[in-house]
Amino acid sequence: MDLILAQEAGGSGLLSLLPFLIILLLFVPLFLNGRKQRKQMQETQAMQQALEDGDVVVTTSGLRGTIVDASYEDTIDLEIAEGVVTTWLRAAIREKVNADEAAEETTEAEPESESKSESENKPTIH
């Protein structure tokens, strides 16, 4: 009989720890995710502070431009089209585009415009 009481007491000890184990299992992923998010935020802020003139960047709204003036602490001037310069907060810069990617997209865009002009000159048969 004492054996049965001892087993019941041991079993209830594990059951009393169950809520703490569940809470622990829920908070471990949250903690690890928070660390990952903090690391990404620090990397983004470091990138935003290291921006220089001539860098091609993409803003949080998806606008792509070239940095014309990065001498201010909180803002930068972006040239979004030839002769069109706008001022943005550094925090609005989402990513810096590599020079290789920018050159590839420029060369890919040129043949498309040539093919459009050739197709415009062809007569349409109905």
C-alpha atoms as a PDB file:
ATOM      1  CA  MET A   1       0.000   0.000   0.000  1.00  0.00           C
ATOM      2  CA  ASP A   2       2.851   2.343   0.754  1.00  0.00           C
ATOM      3  CA  LEU A   3       4.226   1.534  -2.687  1.00  0.00           C
ATOM      4  CA  ILE A   4       1.001   2.659  -4.369  1.00  0.00           C
ATOM      5  CA  LEU A   5       0.965   5.931  -2.434  1.00  0.00           C
ATOM      6  CA  ALA A   6       4.601   6.583  -3.367  1.00  0.00           C
ATOM      7  CA  GLN A   7       3.876   6.017  -7.049  1.00  0.00           C
ATOM      8  CA  GLU A   8       0.879   8.357  -6.961  1.00  0.00           C
ATOM      9  CA  ALA A   9       2.922  11.066  -5.272  1.00  0.00           C
ATOM     10  CA  GLY A  10       5.665  10.752  -7.906  1.00  0.00           C
ATOM     11  CA  GLY A  11       3.167  10.906 -10.745  1.00  0.00           C
ATOM     12  CA  SER A  12       1.520  14.030  -9.392  1.00  0.00           C
ATOM     13  CA  GLY A  13       4.950  15.679  -9.174  1.00  0.00           C
ATOM     14  CA  LEU A  14       5.405  15.260 -12.923  1.00  0.00           C
ATOM     15  CA  LEU A  15       1.911  16.537 -13.599  1.00  0.00           C
ATOM     16  CA  SER A  16       2.599  19.659 -11.576  1.00  0.00           C
ATOM     17  CA  LEU A  17       5.668  20.355 -13.768  1.00  0.00           C
ATOM     18  CA  LEU A  18       3.738  19.891 -17.014  1.00  0.00           C
ATOM     19  CA  PRO A  19       2.392  23.485 -17.248  1.00  0.00           C
ATOM     20  CA  PHE A  20       5.892  24.875 -16.679  1.00  0.00           C
ATOM     21  CA  LEU A  21       7.309  22.614 -19.388  1.00  0.00           C
ATOM     22  CA  ILE A  22       4.620  23.705 -21.843  1.00  0.00           C
ATOM     23  CA  ILE A  23       5.292  27.368 -21.100  1.00  0.00           C
ATOM     24  CA  LEU A  24       9.012  26.769 -21.528  1.00  0.00           C
ATOM     25  CA  LEU A  25       8.454  25.072 -24.885  1.00  0.00           C
ATOM     26  CA  LEU A  26       6.392  28.035 -26.065  1.00  0.00           C
ATOM     27  CA  PHE A  27       8.866  30.712 -24.969  1.00  0.00           C
ATOM     28  CA  VAL A  28      12.076  29.160 -26.306  1.00  0.00           C
ATOM     29  CA  PRO A  29      11.135  29.710 -29.998  1.00  0.00           C
ATOM     30  CA  LEU A  30       9.936  33.233 -29.209  1.00  0.00           C
ATOM     31  CA  PHE A  31      13.231  34.018 -27.520  1.00  0.00           C
ATOM     32  CA  LEU A  32      15.286  32.637 -30.408  1.00  0.00           C
ATOM     33  CA  ASN A  33      13.155  34.489 -32.970  1.00  0.00           C
ATOM     34  CA  GLY A  34      13.637  37.749 -31.072  1.00  0.00           C
ATOM     35  CA  ARG A  35      17.413  37.302 -31.166  1.00  0.00           C
ATOM     36  CA  LYS A  36      17.310  36.666 -34.922  1.00  0.00           C
ATOM     37  CA  GLN A  37      15.145  39.721 -35.507  1.00  0.00           C
ATOM     38  CA  ARG A  38      17.472  41.932 -33.427  1.00  0.00           C
ATOM     39  CA  LYS A  39      20.461  40.721 -35.418  1.00  0.00           C
ATOM     40  CA  GLN A  40      18.728  41.517 -38.728  1.00  0.00           C
ATOM     41  CA  MET A  41      17.783  44.983 -37.467  1.00  0.00           C
ATOM     42  CA  GLN A  42      21.382  45.717 -36.465  1.00  0.00           C
ATOM     43  CA  GLU A  43      22.643  44.588 -39.886  1.00  0.00           C
ATOM     44  CA  THR A  44      20.080  46.815 -41.639  1.00  0.00           C
ATOM     45  CA  GLN A  45      21.036  49.829 -39.526  1.00  0.00           C
ATOM     46  CA  ALA A  46      24.732  49.227 -40.218  1.00  0.00           C
ATOM     47  CA  MET A  47      23.996  49.070 -43.962  1.00  0.00           C
ATOM     48  CA  GLN A  48      21.965  52.287 -43.797  1.00  0.00           C
ATOM     49  CA  GLN A  49      24.800  54.125 -42.023  1.00  0.00           C
ATOM     50  CA  ALA A  50      27.396  52.857 -44.541  1.00  0.00           C
ATOM     51  CA  LEU A  51      25.601  54.195 -47.629  1.00  0.00           C
ATOM     52  CA  GLU A  52      27.726  56.327 -49.951  1.00  0.00           C
ATOM     53  CA  ASP A  53      27.235  58.458 -53.041  1.00  0.00           C
ATOM     54  CA  GLY A  54      26.695  56.373 -56.167  1.00  0.00           C
ATOM     55  CA  ASP A  55      25.136  53.374 -54.390  1.00  0.00           C
ATOM     56  CA  VAL A  56      21.977  51.974 -55.976  1.00  0.00           C
ATOM     57  CA  VAL A  57      19.332  51.276 -53.330  1.00  0.00           C
ATOM     58  CA  VAL A  58      15.722  50.158 -52.958  1.00  0.00           C
ATOM     59  CA  THR A  59      13.432  51.918 -50.496  1.00  0.00           C
ATOM     60  CA  THR A  60      10.809  50.253 -48.301  1.00  0.00           C
ATOM     61  CA  SER A  61       8.156  51.390 -50.785  1.00  0.00           C
ATOM     62  CA  GLY A  62       9.972  49.646 -53.653  1.00  0.00           C
ATOM     63  CA  LEU A  63      11.415  52.763 -55.286  1.00  0.00           C
ATOM     64  CA  ARG A  64      14.850  52.258 -56.813  1.00  0.00           C
ATOM     65  CA  GLY A  65      17.331  55.100 -57.022  1.00  0.00           C
ATOM     66  CA  THR A  66      20.953  56.164 -56.958  1.00  0.00           C
ATOM     67  CA  ILE A  67      22.325  58.042 -53.965  1.00  0.00           C
ATOM     68  CA  VAL A  68      23.427  61.536 -54.945  1.00  0.00           C
ATOM     69  CA  ASP A  69      24.162  63.008 -51.513  1.00  0.00           C
ATOM     70  CA  ALA A  70      24.690  60.962 -48.346  1.00  0.00           C
ATOM     71  CA  SER A  71      26.399  63.659 -46.279  1.00  0.00           C
ATOM     72  CA  TYR A  72      23.472  64.208 -43.905  1.00  0.00           C
ATOM     73  CA  GLU A  73      23.087  62.124 -40.756  1.00  0.00           C
ATOM     74  CA  ASP A  74      19.387  61.221 -41.034  1.00  0.00           C
ATOM     75  CA  THR A  75      18.558  61.766 -44.724  1.00  0.00           C
ATOM     76  CA  ILE A  76      19.912  60.954 -48.161  1.00  0.00           C
ATOM     77  CA  ASP A  77      19.165  62.354 -51.621  1.00  0.00           C
ATOM     78  CA  LEU A  78      18.127  59.812 -54.248  1.00  0.00           C
ATOM     79  CA  GLU A  79      18.060  60.344 -57.989  1.00  0.00           C
ATOM     80  CA  ILE A  80      15.061  58.336 -59.141  1.00  0.00           C
ATOM     81  CA  ALA A  81      15.152  59.516 -62.759  1.00  0.00           C
ATOM     82  CA  GLU A  82      17.492  61.686 -64.773  1.00  0.00           C
ATOM     83  CA  GLY A  83      17.387  65.115 -63.122  1.00  0.00           C
ATOM     84  CA  VAL A  84      14.810  64.088 -60.469  1.00  0.00           C
ATOM     85  CA  VAL A  85      16.293  64.112 -56.956  1.00  0.00           C
ATOM     86  CA  THR A  86      14.234  63.359 -53.843  1.00  0.00           C
ATOM     87  CA  THR A  87      15.153  63.377 -50.152  1.00  0.00           C
ATOM     88  CA  TRP A  88      14.544  60.247 -48.057  1.00  0.00           C
ATOM     89  CA  LEU A  89      15.158  59.179 -44.483  1.00  0.00           C
ATOM     90  CA  ARG A  90      17.990  56.671 -44.162  1.00  0.00           C
ATOM     91  CA  ALA A  91      15.578  54.382 -42.317  1.00  0.00           C
ATOM     92  CA  ALA A  92      13.490  54.145 -45.510  1.00  0.00           C
ATOM     93  CA  ILE A  93      16.272  52.269 -47.327  1.00  0.00           C
ATOM     94  CA  ARG A  94      15.490  48.557 -47.391  1.00  0.00           C
ATOM     95  CA  GLU A  95      18.465  47.205 -49.306  1.00  0.00           C
ATOM     96  CA  LYS A  96      21.526  48.107 -51.301  1.00  0.00           C
ATOM     97  CA  VAL A  97      21.594  46.716 -54.843  1.00  0.00           C
ATOM     98  CA  ASN A  98      24.877  45.228 -56.001  1.00  0.00           C
ATOM     99  CA  ALA A  99      26.556  47.002 -58.916  1.00  0.00           C
ATOM    100  CA  ASP A 100      26.550  43.725 -60.903  1.00  0.00           C
ATOM    101  CA  GLU A 101      22.773  43.341 -60.593  1.00  0.00           C
ATOM    102  CA  ALA A 102      22.183  46.965 -61.593  1.00  0.00           C
ATOM    103  CA  ALA A 103      24.379  46.565 -64.701  1.00  0.00           C
ATOM    104  CA  GLU A 104      22.616  43.328 -65.717  1.00  0.00           C
ATOM    105  CA  GLU A 105      19.170  44.889 -65.464  1.00  0.00           C
ATOM    106  CA  THR A 106      20.283  47.891 -67.515  1.00  0.00           C
ATOM    107  CA  THR A 107      21.616  45.679 -70.315  1.00  0.00           C
ATOM    108  CA  GLU A 108      18.500  43.493 -70.240  1.00  0.00           C
ATOM    109  CA  ALA A 109      16.199  46.506 -70.570  1.00  0.00           C
ATOM    110  CA  GLU A 110      17.871  47.813 -73.757  1.00  0.00           C
ATOM    111  CA  PRO A 111      17.053  44.859 -76.077  1.00  0.00           C
ATOM    112  CA  GLU A 112      13.392  45.026 -75.051  1.00  0.00           C
ATOM    113  CA  SER A 113      13.095  48.610 -76.256  1.00  0.00           C
ATOM    114  CA  GLU A 114      14.697  47.645 -79.589  1.00  0.00           C
ATOM    115  CA  SER A 115      12.266  44.773 -80.110  1.00  0.00           C
ATOM    116  CA  LYS A 116       9.324  47.071 -79.392  1.00  0.00           C
ATOM    117  CA  SER A 117      10.430  49.578 -82.020  1.00  0.00           C
ATOM    118  CA  GLU A 118      10.897  46.770 -84.588  1.00  0.00           C
ATOM    119  CA  SER A 119       7.433  45.361 -83.885  1.00  0.00           C
ATOM    120  CA  GLU A 120       5.879  48.824 -84.194  1.00  0.00           C
ATOM    121  CA  ASN A 121       7.263  49.144 -87.733  1.00  0.00           C
ATOM    122  CA  LYS A 122       5.760  45.828 -88.902  1.00  0.00           C
ATOM    123  CA  PRO A 123       2.341  45.959 -90.488  1.00  0.00           C
ATOM    124  CA  THR A 124      -0.500  44.187 -88.720  1.00  0.00           C
ATOM    125  CA  ILE A 125      -2.429  41.601 -90.717  1.00  0.00           C
ATOM    126  CA  HIS A 126      -6.023  40.975 -89.640  1.00  0.00           C
END
